[in-house]
PDB file of N, CA and C in Angstrom:
ATOM      1  N   MET A   1      -7.301  14.421 -44.183  1.00  0.00           N
ATOM      2  CA  MET A   1      -7.333  12.989 -44.063  1.00  0.00           C
ATOM      3  C   MET A   1      -6.360  12.490 -43.003  1.00  0.00           C
ATOM      4  N   HIS A   2      -5.252  13.199 -42.795  1.00  0.00           N
ATOM      5  CA  HIS A   2      -4.243  12.766 -41.833  1.00  0.00           C
ATOM      6  C   HIS A   2      -4.444  13.404 -40.469  1.00  0.00           C
ATOM      7  N   LYS A   3      -5.411  14.283 -40.297  1.00  0.00           N
ATOM      8  CA  LYS A   3      -5.605  14.963 -39.020  1.00  0.00           C
ATOM      9  C   LYS A   3      -5.936  14.002 -37.875  1.00  0.00           C
ATOM     10  N   PRO A   4      -6.832  13.012 -38.053  1.00  0.00           N
ATOM     11  CA  PRO A   4      -7.111  12.111 -36.936  1.00  0.00           C
ATOM     12  C   PRO A   4      -5.865  11.346 -36.481  1.00  0.00           C
ATOM     13  N   LEU A   5      -5.030  10.944 -37.413  1.00  0.00           N
ATOM     14  CA  LEU A   5      -3.805  10.242 -37.060  1.00  0.00           C
ATOM     15  C   LEU A   5      -2.856  11.160 -36.303  1.00  0.00           C
ATOM     16  N   GLY A   6      -2.759  12.401 -36.717  1.00  0.00           N
ATOM     17  CA  GLY A   6      -1.915  13.374 -36.026  1.00  0.00           C
ATOM     18  C   GLY A   6      -2.398  13.645 -34.616  1.00  0.00           C
ATOM     19  N   VAL A   7      -3.697  13.775 -34.446  1.00  0.00           N
ATOM     20  CA  VAL A   7      -4.271  13.988 -33.117  1.00  0.00           C
ATOM     21  C   VAL A   7      -3.999  12.782 -32.231  1.00  0.00           C
ATOM     22  N   PHE A   8      -4.128  11.585 -32.790  1.00  0.00           N
ATOM     23  CA  PHE A   8      -3.847  10.369 -32.038  1.00  0.00           C
ATOM     24  C   PHE A   8      -2.417  10.381 -31.499  1.00  0.00           C
ATOM     25  N   PHE A   9      -1.438  10.724 -32.355  1.00  0.00           N
ATOM     26  CA  PHE A   9      -0.046  10.725 -31.924  1.00  0.00           C
ATOM     27  C   PHE A   9       0.230  11.827 -30.898  1.00  0.00           C
ATOM     28  N   LEU A  10      -0.424  12.955 -31.020  1.00  0.00           N
ATOM     29  CA  LEU A  10      -0.272  14.009 -30.008  1.00  0.00           C
ATOM     30  C   LEU A  10      -0.809  13.548 -28.649  1.00  0.00           C
ATOM     31  N   LEU A  11      -1.952  12.898 -28.643  1.00  0.00           N
ATOM     32  CA  LEU A  11      -2.517  12.383 -27.402  1.00  0.00           C
ATOM     33  C   LEU A  11      -1.632  11.288 -26.805  1.00  0.00           C
ATOM     34  N   LEU A  12      -1.113  10.430 -27.658  1.00  0.00           N
ATOM     35  CA  LEU A  12      -0.220   9.371 -27.197  1.00  0.00           C
ATOM     36  C   LEU A  12       1.042   9.965 -26.581  1.00  0.00           C
ATOM     37  N   ALA A  13       1.639  10.927 -27.232  1.00  0.00           N
ATOM     38  CA  ALA A  13       2.851  11.569 -26.713  1.00  0.00           C
ATOM     39  C   ALA A  13       2.563  12.260 -25.386  1.00  0.00           C
ATOM     40  N   GLY A  14       1.436  12.925 -25.283  1.00  0.00           N
ATOM     41  CA  GLY A  14       1.070  13.591 -24.034  1.00  0.00           C
ATOM     42  C   GLY A  14       0.889  12.622 -22.898  1.00  0.00           C
ATOM     43  N   SER A  15       0.295  11.463 -23.169  1.00  0.00           N
ATOM     44  CA  SER A  15       0.090  10.478 -22.109  1.00  0.00           C
ATOM     45  C   SER A  15       1.401   9.839 -21.682  1.00  0.00           C
ATOM     46  N   LEU A  16       2.351   9.686 -22.597  1.00  0.00           N
ATOM     47  CA  LEU A  16       3.646   9.116 -22.251  1.00  0.00           C
ATOM     48  C   LEU A  16       4.498  10.083 -21.448  1.00  0.00           C
ATOM     49  N   LEU A  17       4.314  11.371 -21.643  1.00  0.00           N
ATOM     50  CA  LEU A  17       5.101  12.366 -20.928  1.00  0.00           C
ATOM     51  C   LEU A  17       4.499  12.750 -19.589  1.00  0.00           C
ATOM     52  N   ALA A  18       3.253  12.407 -19.359  1.00  0.00           N
ATOM     53  CA  ALA A  18       2.589  12.770 -18.108  1.00  0.00           C
ATOM     54  C   ALA A  18       3.221  12.016 -16.950  1.00  0.00           C
ATOM     55  N   GLU A  19       3.512  12.725 -15.872  1.00  0.00           N
ATOM     56  CA  GLU A  19       4.086  12.097 -14.686  1.00  0.00           C
ATOM     57  C   GLU A  19       2.984  11.481 -13.848  1.00  0.00           C
ATOM     58  N   PRO A  20       3.273  10.355 -13.195  1.00  0.00           N
ATOM     59  CA  PRO A  20       2.264   9.767 -12.324  1.00  0.00           C
ATOM     60  C   PRO A  20       2.041  10.647 -11.098  1.00  0.00           C
ATOM     61  N   THR A  21       0.854  10.552 -10.521  1.00  0.00           N
ATOM     62  CA  THR A  21       0.559  11.325  -9.312  1.00  0.00           C
ATOM     63  C   THR A  21       0.819  10.508  -8.059  1.00  0.00           C
ATOM     64  N   SER A  22       1.000   9.193  -8.192  1.00  0.00           N
ATOM     65  CA  SER A  22       1.298   8.308  -7.062  1.00  0.00           C
ATOM     66  C   SER A  22       2.174   7.168  -7.552  1.00  0.00           C
ATOM     67  N   VAL A  23       3.123   6.744  -6.712  1.00  0.00           N
ATOM     68  CA  VAL A  23       3.985   5.608  -7.034  1.00  0.00           C
ATOM     69  C   VAL A  23       4.232   4.794  -5.767  1.00  0.00           C
ATOM     70  N   ILE A  24       4.568   3.517  -5.963  1.00  0.00           N
ATOM     71  CA  ILE A  24       4.920   2.635  -4.861  1.00  0.00           C
ATOM     72  C   ILE A  24       6.427   2.432  -4.899  1.00  0.00           C
ATOM     73  N   ARG A  25       7.080   2.613  -3.747  1.00  0.00           N
ATOM     74  CA  ARG A  25       8.528   2.400  -3.655  1.00  0.00           C
ATOM     75  C   ARG A  25       8.777   1.183  -2.766  1.00  0.00           C
ATOM     76  N   TRP A  26       9.451   0.185  -3.325  1.00  0.00           N
ATOM     77  CA  TRP A  26       9.769  -1.036  -2.584  1.00  0.00           C
ATOM     78  C   TRP A  26      11.078  -1.585  -3.100  1.00  0.00           C
ATOM     79  N   ASN A  27      11.657  -2.529  -2.364  1.00  0.00           N
ATOM     80  CA  ASN A  27      12.902  -3.157  -2.764  1.00  0.00           C
ATOM     81  C   ASN A  27      12.587  -4.194  -3.836  1.00  0.00           C
ATOM     82  N   GLN A  28      12.877  -3.877  -5.065  1.00  0.00           N
ATOM     83  CA  GLN A  28      12.513  -4.746  -6.170  1.00  0.00           C
ATOM     84  C   GLN A  28      13.376  -6.000  -6.246  1.00  0.00           C
ATOM     85  N   GLN A  29      14.531  -5.998  -5.596  1.00  0.00           N
ATOM     86  CA  GLN A  29      15.375  -7.194  -5.557  1.00  0.00           C
ATOM     87  C   GLN A  29      14.792  -8.222  -4.596  1.00  0.00           C
ATOM     88  N   GLY A  30      14.151  -7.756  -3.539  1.00  0.00           N
ATOM     89  CA  GLY A  30      13.527  -8.663  -2.583  1.00  0.00           C
ATOM     90  C   GLY A  30      13.970  -8.391  -1.160  1.00  0.00           C
ATOM     91  N   TYR A  31      13.354  -9.102  -0.243  1.00  0.00           N
ATOM     92  CA  TYR A  31      13.615  -8.966   1.188  1.00  0.00           C
ATOM     93  C   TYR A  31      13.903 -10.343   1.769  1.00  0.00           C
ATOM     94  N   ALA A  32      14.768 -10.392   2.783  1.00  0.00           N
ATOM     95  CA  ALA A  32      14.965 -11.619   3.553  1.00  0.00           C
ATOM     96  C   ALA A  32      13.790 -11.758   4.515  1.00  0.00           C
ATOM     97  N   PRO A  33      13.424 -12.989   4.890  1.00  0.00           N
ATOM     98  CA  PRO A  33      12.264 -13.179   5.763  1.00  0.00           C
ATOM     99  C   PRO A  33      12.301 -12.365   7.057  1.00  0.00           C
ATOM    100  N   ASP A  34      13.473 -12.221   7.659  1.00  0.00           N
ATOM    101  CA  ASP A  34      13.563 -11.500   8.936  1.00  0.00           C
ATOM    102  C   ASP A  34      13.914 -10.016   8.772  1.00  0.00           C
ATOM    103  N   GLN A  35      14.024  -9.546   7.561  1.00  0.00           N
ATOM    104  CA  GLN A  35      14.363  -8.150   7.277  1.00  0.00           C
ATOM    105  C   GLN A  35      13.122  -7.265   7.394  1.00  0.00           C
ATOM    106  N   PRO A  36      13.260  -6.006   7.844  1.00  0.00           N
ATOM    107  CA  PRO A  36      12.118  -5.081   7.820  1.00  0.00           C
ATOM    108  C   PRO A  36      11.616  -4.904   6.388  1.00  0.00           C
ATOM    109  N   LYS A  37      10.306  -4.810   6.261  1.00  0.00           N
ATOM    110  CA  LYS A  37       9.681  -4.675   4.935  1.00  0.00           C
ATOM    111  C   LYS A  37       8.732  -3.492   4.965  1.00  0.00           C
ATOM    112  N   GLU A  38       9.276  -2.311   4.765  1.00  0.00           N
ATOM    113  CA  GLU A  38       8.468  -1.094   4.727  1.00  0.00           C
ATOM    114  C   GLU A  38       8.341  -0.625   3.291  1.00  0.00           C
ATOM    115  N   ILE A  39       7.113  -0.554   2.839  1.00  0.00           N
ATOM    116  CA  ILE A  39       6.813  -0.098   1.488  1.00  0.00           C
ATOM    117  C   ILE A  39       6.271   1.318   1.626  1.00  0.00           C
ATOM    118  N   ILE A  40       6.687   2.219   0.742  1.00  0.00           N
ATOM    119  CA  ILE A  40       6.249   3.612   0.796  1.00  0.00           C
ATOM    120  C   ILE A  40       5.403   3.909  -0.438  1.00  0.00           C
ATOM    121  N   VAL A  41       4.226   4.450  -0.207  1.00  0.00           N
ATOM    122  CA  VAL A  41       3.376   4.918  -1.296  1.00  0.00           C
ATOM    123  C   VAL A  41       3.507   6.433  -1.318  1.00  0.00           C
ATOM    124  N   MET A  42       4.190   6.948  -2.340  1.00  0.00           N
ATOM    125  CA  MET A  42       4.413   8.387  -2.468  1.00  0.00           C
ATOM    126  C   MET A  42       3.358   8.962  -3.399  1.00  0.00           C
ATOM    127  N   SER A  43       2.811  10.116  -2.995  1.00  0.00           N
ATOM    128  CA  SER A  43       1.746  10.691  -3.793  1.00  0.00           C
ATOM    129  C   SER A  43       1.765  12.210  -3.712  1.00  0.00           C
ATOM    130  N   GLN A  44       1.162  12.814  -4.717  1.00  0.00           N
ATOM    131  CA  GLN A  44       1.011  14.265  -4.715  1.00  0.00           C
ATOM    132  C   GLN A  44      -0.309  14.668  -4.074  1.00  0.00           C
ATOM    133  N   ARG A  45      -1.096  13.660  -3.637  1.00  0.00           N
ATOM    134  CA  ARG A  45      -2.356  13.943  -2.939  1.00  0.00           C
ATOM    135  C   ARG A  45      -2.472  12.988  -1.761  1.00  0.00           C
ATOM    136  N   ASP A  46      -3.285  13.324  -0.797  1.00  0.00           N
ATOM    137  CA  ASP A  46      -3.462  12.511   0.396  1.00  0.00           C
ATOM    138  C   ASP A  46      -4.235  11.237   0.050  1.00  0.00           C
ATOM    139  N   LEU A  47      -3.647  10.087   0.342  1.00  0.00           N
ATOM    140  CA  LEU A  47      -4.276   8.806   0.049  1.00  0.00           C
ATOM    141  C   LEU A  47      -4.771   8.109   1.318  1.00  0.00           C
ATOM    142  N   ALA A  48      -4.834   8.818   2.446  1.00  0.00           N
ATOM    143  CA  ALA A  48      -5.313   8.213   3.688  1.00  0.00           C
ATOM    144  C   ALA A  48      -6.687   7.609   3.453  1.00  0.00           C
ATOM    145  N   GLY A  49      -6.861   6.363   3.891  1.00  0.00           N
ATOM    146  CA  GLY A  49      -8.127   5.668   3.720  1.00  0.00           C
ATOM    147  C   GLY A  49      -8.214   4.810   2.473  1.00  0.00           C
ATOM    148  N   VAL A  50      -7.267   4.951   1.540  1.00  0.00           N
ATOM    149  CA  VAL A  50      -7.270   4.127   0.330  1.00  0.00           C
ATOM    150  C   VAL A  50      -6.919   2.688   0.720  1.00  0.00           C
ATOM    151  N   ALA A  51      -7.659   1.727   0.193  1.00  0.00           N
ATOM    152  CA  ALA A  51      -7.454   0.317   0.527  1.00  0.00           C
ATOM    153  C   ALA A  51      -6.201  -0.242  -0.138  1.00  0.00           C
ATOM    154  N   TRP A  52      -5.513  -1.116   0.593  1.00  0.00           N
ATOM    155  CA  TRP A  52      -4.409  -1.881   0.034  1.00  0.00           C
ATOM    156  C   TRP A  52      -4.582  -3.339   0.438  1.00  0.00           C
ATOM    157  N   SER A  53      -3.999  -4.240  -0.356  1.00  0.00           N
ATOM    158  CA  SER A  53      -4.053  -5.661  -0.029  1.00  0.00           C
ATOM    159  C   SER A  53      -2.784  -6.342  -0.518  1.00  0.00           C
ATOM    160  N   VAL A  54      -2.437  -7.433   0.174  1.00  0.00           N
ATOM    161  CA  VAL A  54      -1.296  -8.263  -0.195  1.00  0.00           C
ATOM    162  C   VAL A  54      -1.782  -9.698  -0.227  1.00  0.00           C
ATOM    163  N   ALA A  55      -1.417 -10.430  -1.270  1.00  0.00           N
ATOM    164  CA  ALA A  55      -1.800 -11.830  -1.373  1.00  0.00           C
ATOM    165  C   ALA A  55      -0.634 -12.634  -1.922  1.00  0.00           C
ATOM    166  N   GLY A  56      -0.478 -13.855  -1.403  1.00  0.00           N
ATOM    167  CA  GLY A  56       0.547 -14.752  -1.895  1.00  0.00           C
ATOM    168  C   GLY A  56       0.875 -15.812  -0.873  1.00  0.00           C
ATOM    169  N   VAL A  57       1.459 -16.921  -1.307  1.00  0.00           N
ATOM    170  CA  VAL A  57       1.888 -18.024  -0.462  1.00  0.00           C
ATOM    171  C   VAL A  57       0.752 -18.448   0.483  1.00  0.00           C
ATOM    172  N   GLY A  58      -0.457 -18.537  -0.041  1.00  0.00           N
ATOM    173  CA  GLY A  58      -1.593 -19.010   0.735  1.00  0.00           C
ATOM    174  C   GLY A  58      -2.098 -18.050   1.798  1.00  0.00           C
ATOM    175  N   SER A  59      -1.676 -16.786   1.764  1.00  0.00           N
ATOM    176  CA  SER A  59      -2.100 -15.807   2.761  1.00  0.00           C
ATOM    177  C   SER A  59      -2.558 -14.531   2.081  1.00  0.00           C
ATOM    178  N   ALA A  60      -3.345 -13.756   2.819  1.00  0.00           N
ATOM    179  CA  ALA A  60      -3.784 -12.457   2.310  1.00  0.00           C
ATOM    180  C   ALA A  60      -3.993 -11.506   3.476  1.00  0.00           C
ATOM    181  N   TRP A  61      -3.642 -10.244   3.272  1.00  0.00           N
ATOM    182  CA  TRP A  61      -3.837  -9.182   4.254  1.00  0.00           C
ATOM    183  C   TRP A  61      -4.412  -7.983   3.538  1.00  0.00           C
ATOM    184  N   GLN A  62      -5.177  -7.199   4.256  1.00  0.00           N
ATOM    185  CA  GLN A  62      -5.691  -5.957   3.687  1.00  0.00           C
ATOM    186  C   GLN A  62      -5.871  -4.938   4.795  1.00  0.00           C
ATOM    187  N   ASN A  63      -5.824  -3.684   4.403  1.00  0.00           N
ATOM    188  CA  ASN A  63      -5.986  -2.580   5.327  1.00  0.00           C
ATOM    189  C   ASN A  63      -6.185  -1.321   4.497  1.00  0.00           C
ATOM    190  N   ASN A  64      -6.188  -0.185   5.163  1.00  0.00           N
ATOM    191  CA  ASN A  64      -6.265   1.103   4.485  1.00  0.00           C
ATOM    192  C   ASN A  64      -5.011   1.898   4.806  1.00  0.00           C
ATOM    193  N   LEU A  65      -4.591   2.731   3.876  1.00  0.00           N
ATOM    194  CA  LEU A  65      -3.453   3.603   4.145  1.00  0.00           C
ATOM    195  C   LEU A  65      -3.816   4.557   5.279  1.00  0.00           C
ATOM    196  N   GLU A  66      -2.834   4.790   6.145  1.00  0.00           N
ATOM    197  CA  GLU A  66      -3.047   5.701   7.266  1.00  0.00           C
ATOM    198  C   GLU A  66      -2.592   7.097   6.877  1.00  0.00           C
ATOM    199  N   GLU A  67      -2.779   8.026   7.771  1.00  0.00           N
ATOM    200  CA  GLU A  67      -2.334   9.398   7.532  1.00  0.00           C
ATOM    201  C   GLU A  67      -0.861   9.400   7.163  1.00  0.00           C
ATOM    202  N   SER A  68      -0.478  10.307   6.306  1.00  0.00           N
ATOM    203  CA  SER A  68       0.912  10.436   5.875  1.00  0.00           C
ATOM    204  C   SER A  68       1.734  10.986   7.026  1.00  0.00           C
ATOM    205  N   GLU A  69       2.611  10.128   7.567  1.00  0.00           N
ATOM    206  CA  GLU A  69       3.432  10.547   8.698  1.00  0.00           C
ATOM    207  C   GLU A  69       4.837  10.967   8.278  1.00  0.00           C
ATOM    208  N   LEU A  70       5.207  10.603   7.077  1.00  0.00           N
ATOM    209  CA  LEU A  70       6.539  10.939   6.576  1.00  0.00           C
ATOM    210  C   LEU A  70       6.475  12.258   5.818  1.00  0.00           C
ATOM    211  N   GLY A  71       7.300  13.171   6.184  1.00  0.00           N
ATOM    212  CA  GLY A  71       7.354  14.421   5.447  1.00  0.00           C
ATOM    213  C   GLY A  71       8.197  14.286   4.195  1.00  0.00           C
ATOM    214  N   ALA A  72       8.203  15.324   3.409  1.00  0.00           N
ATOM    215  CA  ALA A  72       9.034  15.324   2.206  1.00  0.00           C
ATOM    216  C   ALA A  72      10.498  15.344   2.625  1.00  0.00           C
ATOM    217  N   GLY A  73      11.304  14.567   1.940  1.00  0.00           N
ATOM    218  CA  GLY A  73      12.732  14.493   2.230  1.00  0.00           C
ATOM    219  C   GLY A  73      13.462  13.939   1.024  1.00  0.00           C
ATOM    220  N   PRO A  74      14.754  13.638   1.170  1.00  0.00           N
ATOM    221  CA  PRO A  74      15.535  13.153   0.033  1.00  0.00           C
ATOM    222  C   PRO A  74      15.006  11.842  -0.552  1.00  0.00           C
ATOM    223  N   ASN A  75      14.465  10.960   0.284  1.00  0.00           N
ATOM    224  CA  ASN A  75      13.948   9.679  -0.202  1.00  0.00           C
ATOM    225  C   ASN A  75      12.437   9.666  -0.354  1.00  0.00           C
ATOM    226  N   THR A  76      11.790  10.699   0.077  1.00  0.00           N
ATOM    227  CA  THR A  76      10.327  10.820  -0.029  1.00  0.00           C
ATOM    228  C   THR A  76      10.005  12.230  -0.506  1.00  0.00           C
ATOM    229  N   PRO A  77      10.231  12.506  -1.790  1.00  0.00           N
ATOM    230  CA  PRO A  77      10.150  13.882  -2.274  1.00  0.00           C
ATOM    231  C   PRO A  77       8.744  14.435  -2.472  1.00  0.00           C
ATOM    232  N   TRP A  78       7.738  13.595  -2.446  1.00  0.00           N
ATOM    233  CA  TRP A  78       6.396  14.103  -2.699  1.00  0.00           C
ATOM    234  C   TRP A  78       5.709  14.484  -1.399  1.00  0.00           C
ATOM    235  N   GLY A  79       4.647  15.230  -1.493  1.00  0.00           N
ATOM    236  CA  GLY A  79       3.976  15.785  -0.318  1.00  0.00           C
ATOM    237  C   GLY A  79       3.351  14.771   0.616  1.00  0.00           C
ATOM    238  N   PHE A  80       2.897  13.629   0.093  1.00  0.00           N
ATOM    239  CA  PHE A  80       2.240  12.622   0.912  1.00  0.00           C
ATOM    240  C   PHE A  80       2.964  11.294   0.742  1.00  0.00           C
ATOM    241  N   ASN A  81       3.457  10.743   1.843  1.00  0.00           N
ATOM    242  CA  ASN A  81       4.250   9.519   1.817  1.00  0.00           C
ATOM    243  C   ASN A  81       3.684   8.565   2.866  1.00  0.00           C
ATOM    244  N   HIS A  82       2.971   7.565   2.399  1.00  0.00           N
ATOM    245  CA  HIS A  82       2.287   6.624   3.285  1.00  0.00           C
ATOM    246  C   HIS A  82       3.122   5.354   3.426  1.00  0.00           C
ATOM    247  N   ARG A  83       3.278   4.906   4.675  1.00  0.00           N
ATOM    248  CA  ARG A  83       4.093   3.722   4.973  1.00  0.00           C
ATOM    249  C   ARG A  83       3.187   2.500   5.146  1.00  0.00           C
ATOM    250  N   ILE A  84       3.583   1.389   4.518  1.00  0.00           N
ATOM    251  CA  ILE A  84       2.949   0.091   4.742  1.00  0.00           C
ATOM    252  C   ILE A  84       4.030  -0.817   5.311  1.00  0.00           C
ATOM    253  N   ASP A  85       3.901  -1.218   6.558  1.00  0.00           N
ATOM    254  CA  ASP A  85       4.893  -2.081   7.201  1.00  0.00           C
ATOM    255  C   ASP A  85       4.392  -3.520   7.157  1.00  0.00           C
ATOM    256  N   LEU A  86       5.065  -4.363   6.390  1.00  0.00           N
ATOM    257  CA  LEU A  86       4.700  -5.766   6.243  1.00  0.00           C
ATOM    258  C   LEU A  86       5.738  -6.692   6.868  1.00  0.00           C
ATOM    259  N   SER A  87       6.532  -6.162   7.800  1.00  0.00           N
ATOM    260  CA  SER A  87       7.628  -6.920   8.409  1.00  0.00           C
ATOM    261  C   SER A  87       7.149  -8.188   9.099  1.00  0.00           C
ATOM    262  N   GLN A  88       6.032  -8.128   9.802  1.00  0.00           N
ATOM    263  CA  GLN A  88       5.519  -9.302  10.519  1.00  0.00           C
ATOM    264  C   GLN A  88       4.749 -10.242   9.599  1.00  0.00           C
ATOM    265  N   GLU A  89       4.031  -9.690   8.630  1.00  0.00           N
ATOM    266  CA  GLU A  89       3.167 -10.494   7.782  1.00  0.00           C
ATOM    267  C   GLU A  89       3.935 -11.332   6.765  1.00  0.00           C
ATOM    268  N   LEU A  90       4.963 -10.768   6.158  1.00  0.00           N
ATOM    269  CA  LEU A  90       5.683 -11.454   5.075  1.00  0.00           C
ATOM    270  C   LEU A  90       6.933 -12.136   5.621  1.00  0.00           C
ATOM    271  N   GLN A  91       6.763 -13.345   6.109  1.00  0.00           N
ATOM    272  CA  GLN A  91       7.870 -14.125   6.668  1.00  0.00           C
ATOM    273  C   GLN A  91       8.205 -15.356   5.825  1.00  0.00           C
ATOM    274  N   GLU A  92       7.231 -15.856   5.076  1.00  0.00           N
ATOM    275  CA  GLU A  92       7.437 -17.047   4.261  1.00  0.00           C
ATOM    276  C   GLU A  92       8.040 -16.668   2.910  1.00  0.00           C
ATOM    277  N   PRO A  93       9.113 -17.347   2.479  1.00  0.00           N
ATOM    278  CA  PRO A  93       9.652 -17.073   1.142  1.00  0.00           C
ATOM    279  C   PRO A  93       8.599 -17.313   0.057  1.00  0.00           C
ATOM    280  N   GLY A  94       8.634 -16.459  -0.950  1.00  0.00           N
ATOM    281  CA  GLY A  94       7.710 -16.550  -2.071  1.00  0.00           C
ATOM    282  C   GLY A  94       7.434 -15.180  -2.642  1.00  0.00           C
ATOM    283  N   ASP A  95       6.507 -15.114  -3.566  1.00  0.00           N
ATOM    284  CA  ASP A  95       6.125 -13.859  -4.208  1.00  0.00           C
ATOM    285  C   ASP A  95       4.748 -13.439  -3.702  1.00  0.00           C
ATOM    286  N   TYR A  96       4.622 -12.161  -3.376  1.00  0.00           N
ATOM    287  CA  TYR A  96       3.382 -11.583  -2.877  1.00  0.00           C
ATOM    288  C   TYR A  96       3.017 -10.408  -3.777  1.00  0.00           C
ATOM    289  N   THR A  97       1.756 -10.245  -4.058  1.00  0.00           N
ATOM    290  CA  THR A  97       1.294  -9.137  -4.885  1.00  0.00           C
ATOM    291  C   THR A  97       0.654  -8.088  -3.997  1.00  0.00           C
ATOM    292  N   LEU A  98       1.186  -6.863  -4.069  1.00  0.00           N
ATOM    293  CA  LEU A  98       0.651  -5.725  -3.325  1.00  0.00           C
ATOM    294  C   LEU A  98      -0.163  -4.870  -4.276  1.00  0.00           C
ATOM    295  N   THR A  99      -1.400  -4.603  -3.897  1.00  0.00           N
ATOM    296  CA  THR A  99      -2.279  -3.730  -4.663  1.00  0.00           C
ATOM    297  C   THR A  99      -2.669  -2.567  -3.764  1.00  0.00           C
ATOM    298  N   VAL A 100      -2.499  -1.350  -4.270  1.00  0.00           N
ATOM    299  CA  VAL A 100      -2.869  -0.141  -3.534  1.00  0.00           C
ATOM    300  C   VAL A 100      -3.808   0.673  -4.411  1.00  0.00           C
ATOM    301  N   GLY A 101      -5.077   0.760  -3.999  1.00  0.00           N
ATOM    302  CA  GLY A 101      -6.055   1.534  -4.756  1.00  0.00           C
ATOM    303  C   GLY A 101      -6.051   1.147  -6.218  1.00  0.00           C
ATOM    304  N   ASP A 102      -5.974   2.149  -7.101  1.00  0.00           N
ATOM    305  CA  ASP A 102      -5.986   1.882  -8.536  1.00  0.00           C
ATOM    306  C   ASP A 102      -4.588   1.920  -9.156  1.00  0.00           C
ATOM    307  N   LEU A 103      -3.538   1.884  -8.321  1.00  0.00           N
ATOM    308  CA  LEU A 103      -2.172   1.832  -8.845  1.00  0.00           C
ATOM    309  C   LEU A 103      -1.880   0.437  -9.392  1.00  0.00           C
ATOM    310  N   ASP A 104      -0.905   0.355 -10.291  1.00  0.00           N
ATOM    311  CA  ASP A 104      -0.509  -0.950 -10.813  1.00  0.00           C
ATOM    312  C   ASP A 104       0.029  -1.811  -9.674  1.00  0.00           C
ATOM    313  N   PRO A 105      -0.391  -3.072  -9.591  1.00  0.00           N
ATOM    314  CA  PRO A 105       0.117  -3.964  -8.539  1.00  0.00           C
ATOM    315  C   PRO A 105       1.623  -4.171  -8.686  1.00  0.00           C
ATOM    316  N   VAL A 106       2.283  -4.441  -7.557  1.00  0.00           N
ATOM    317  CA  VAL A 106       3.715  -4.730  -7.561  1.00  0.00           C
ATOM    318  C   VAL A 106       3.945  -6.079  -6.893  1.00  0.00           C
ATOM    319  N   VAL A 107       5.035  -6.740  -7.257  1.00  0.00           N
ATOM    320  CA  VAL A 107       5.380  -8.037  -6.678  1.00  0.00           C
ATOM    321  C   VAL A 107       6.477  -7.823  -5.640  1.00  0.00           C
ATOM    322  N   ILE A 108       6.207  -8.296  -4.436  1.00  0.00           N
ATOM    323  CA  ILE A 108       7.184  -8.245  -3.348  1.00  0.00           C
ATOM    324  C   ILE A 108       7.759  -9.644  -3.198  1.00  0.00           C
ATOM    325  N   LYS A 109       9.080  -9.756  -3.347  1.00  0.00           N
ATOM    326  CA  LYS A 109       9.755 -11.055  -3.294  1.00  0.00           C
ATOM    327  C   LYS A 109      10.359 -11.245  -1.906  1.00  0.00           C
ATOM    328  N   ILE A 110      10.085 -12.405  -1.308  1.00  0.00           N
ATOM    329  CA  ILE A 110      10.711 -12.791  -0.048  1.00  0.00           C
ATOM    330  C   ILE A 110      11.601 -13.981  -0.370  1.00  0.00           C
ATOM    331  N   ARG A 111      12.897 -13.822  -0.136  1.00  0.00           N
ATOM    332  CA  ARG A 111      13.895 -14.847  -0.461  1.00  0.00           C
ATOM    333  C   ARG A 111      14.832 -15.031   0.726  1.00  0.00           C
ATOM    334  N   ASP A 112      15.328 -16.255   0.902  1.00  0.00           N
ATOM    335  CA  ASP A 112      16.298 -16.489   1.968  1.00  0.00           C
ATOM    336  C   ASP A 112      17.569 -15.682   1.739  1.00  0.00           C
ATOM    337  N   ARG A 113      17.972 -15.544   0.483  1.00  0.00           N
ATOM    338  CA  ARG A 113      19.164 -14.769   0.128  1.00  0.00           C
ATOM    339  C   ARG A 113      18.811 -13.841  -1.050  1.00  0.00           C
ATOM    340  N   PRO A 114      18.121 -12.731  -0.804  1.00  0.00           N
ATOM    341  CA  PRO A 114      17.636 -11.911  -1.917  1.00  0.00           C
ATOM    342  C   PRO A 114      18.719 -11.279  -2.777  1.00  0.00           C
ATOM    343  N   TYR A 115      19.930 -11.138  -2.244  1.00  0.00           N
ATOM    344  CA  TYR A 115      21.000 -10.483  -2.998  1.00  0.00           C
ATOM    345  C   TYR A 115      22.020 -11.473  -3.564  1.00  0.00           C
ATOM    346  N   ALA A 116      21.754 -12.753  -3.471  1.00  0.00           N
ATOM    347  CA  ALA A 116      22.701 -13.768  -3.946  1.00  0.00           C
ATOM    348  C   ALA A 116      23.013 -13.601  -5.426  1.00  0.00           C
ATOM    349  N   ALA A 117      22.020 -13.276  -6.223  1.00  0.00           N
ATOM    350  CA  ALA A 117      22.232 -13.132  -7.667  1.00  0.00           C
ATOM    351  C   ALA A 117      23.118 -11.929  -7.983  1.00  0.00           C
ATOM    352  N   LEU A 118      23.161 -10.964  -7.110  1.00  0.00           N
ATOM    353  CA  LEU A 118      23.959  -9.752  -7.348  1.00  0.00           C
ATOM    354  C   LEU A 118      25.384  -9.862  -6.811  1.00  0.00           C
ATOM    355  N   ALA A 119      25.648 -10.833  -5.966  1.00  0.00           N
ATOM    356  CA  ALA A 119      26.938 -10.926  -5.264  1.00  0.00           C
ATOM    357  C   ALA A 119      28.133 -11.028  -6.207  1.00  0.00           C
ATOM    358  N   ASN A 120      27.987 -11.683  -7.333  1.00  0.00           N
ATOM    359  CA  ASN A 120      29.116 -11.889  -8.246  1.00  0.00           C
ATOM    360  C   ASN A 120      29.160 -10.903  -9.401  1.00  0.00           C
ATOM    361  N   LEU A 121      28.263  -9.930  -9.398  1.00  0.00           N
ATOM    362  CA  LEU A 121      28.285  -8.924 -10.465  1.00  0.00           C
ATOM    363  C   LEU A 121      29.381  -7.901 -10.180  1.00  0.00           C
ATOM    364  N   PRO A 122      29.976  -7.344 -11.224  1.00  0.00           N
ATOM    365  CA  PRO A 122      31.036  -6.346 -10.995  1.00  0.00           C
ATOM    366  C   PRO A 122      30.480  -5.095 -10.345  1.00  0.00           C
TER     367      PRO A 122
END
């Protein structure tokens, strides 16, 4: 009688322990309007050609990931590291949503002073 419940918890535990095969790395505190805005999509498989889009503050951009030009290194440990450069596109302060393929969307914050809230922390 308790076997289905046990199987459920085993499956749940397995899904929680599974590592993602792709992640998005960005500055979660935010970027200043004139600051470089390079987002890295790190993956264990080649994502060249996967669609990405950014929307917010009355604007939208879309493109496809290009060939992985970044090799594995201390800040890009996975085999495929795709760069999305939004330095020119994201100039207006506000929140923008970046969607890459079927990964969870992330919010990119553009602020005049993105680190102001952290300045007085110990």
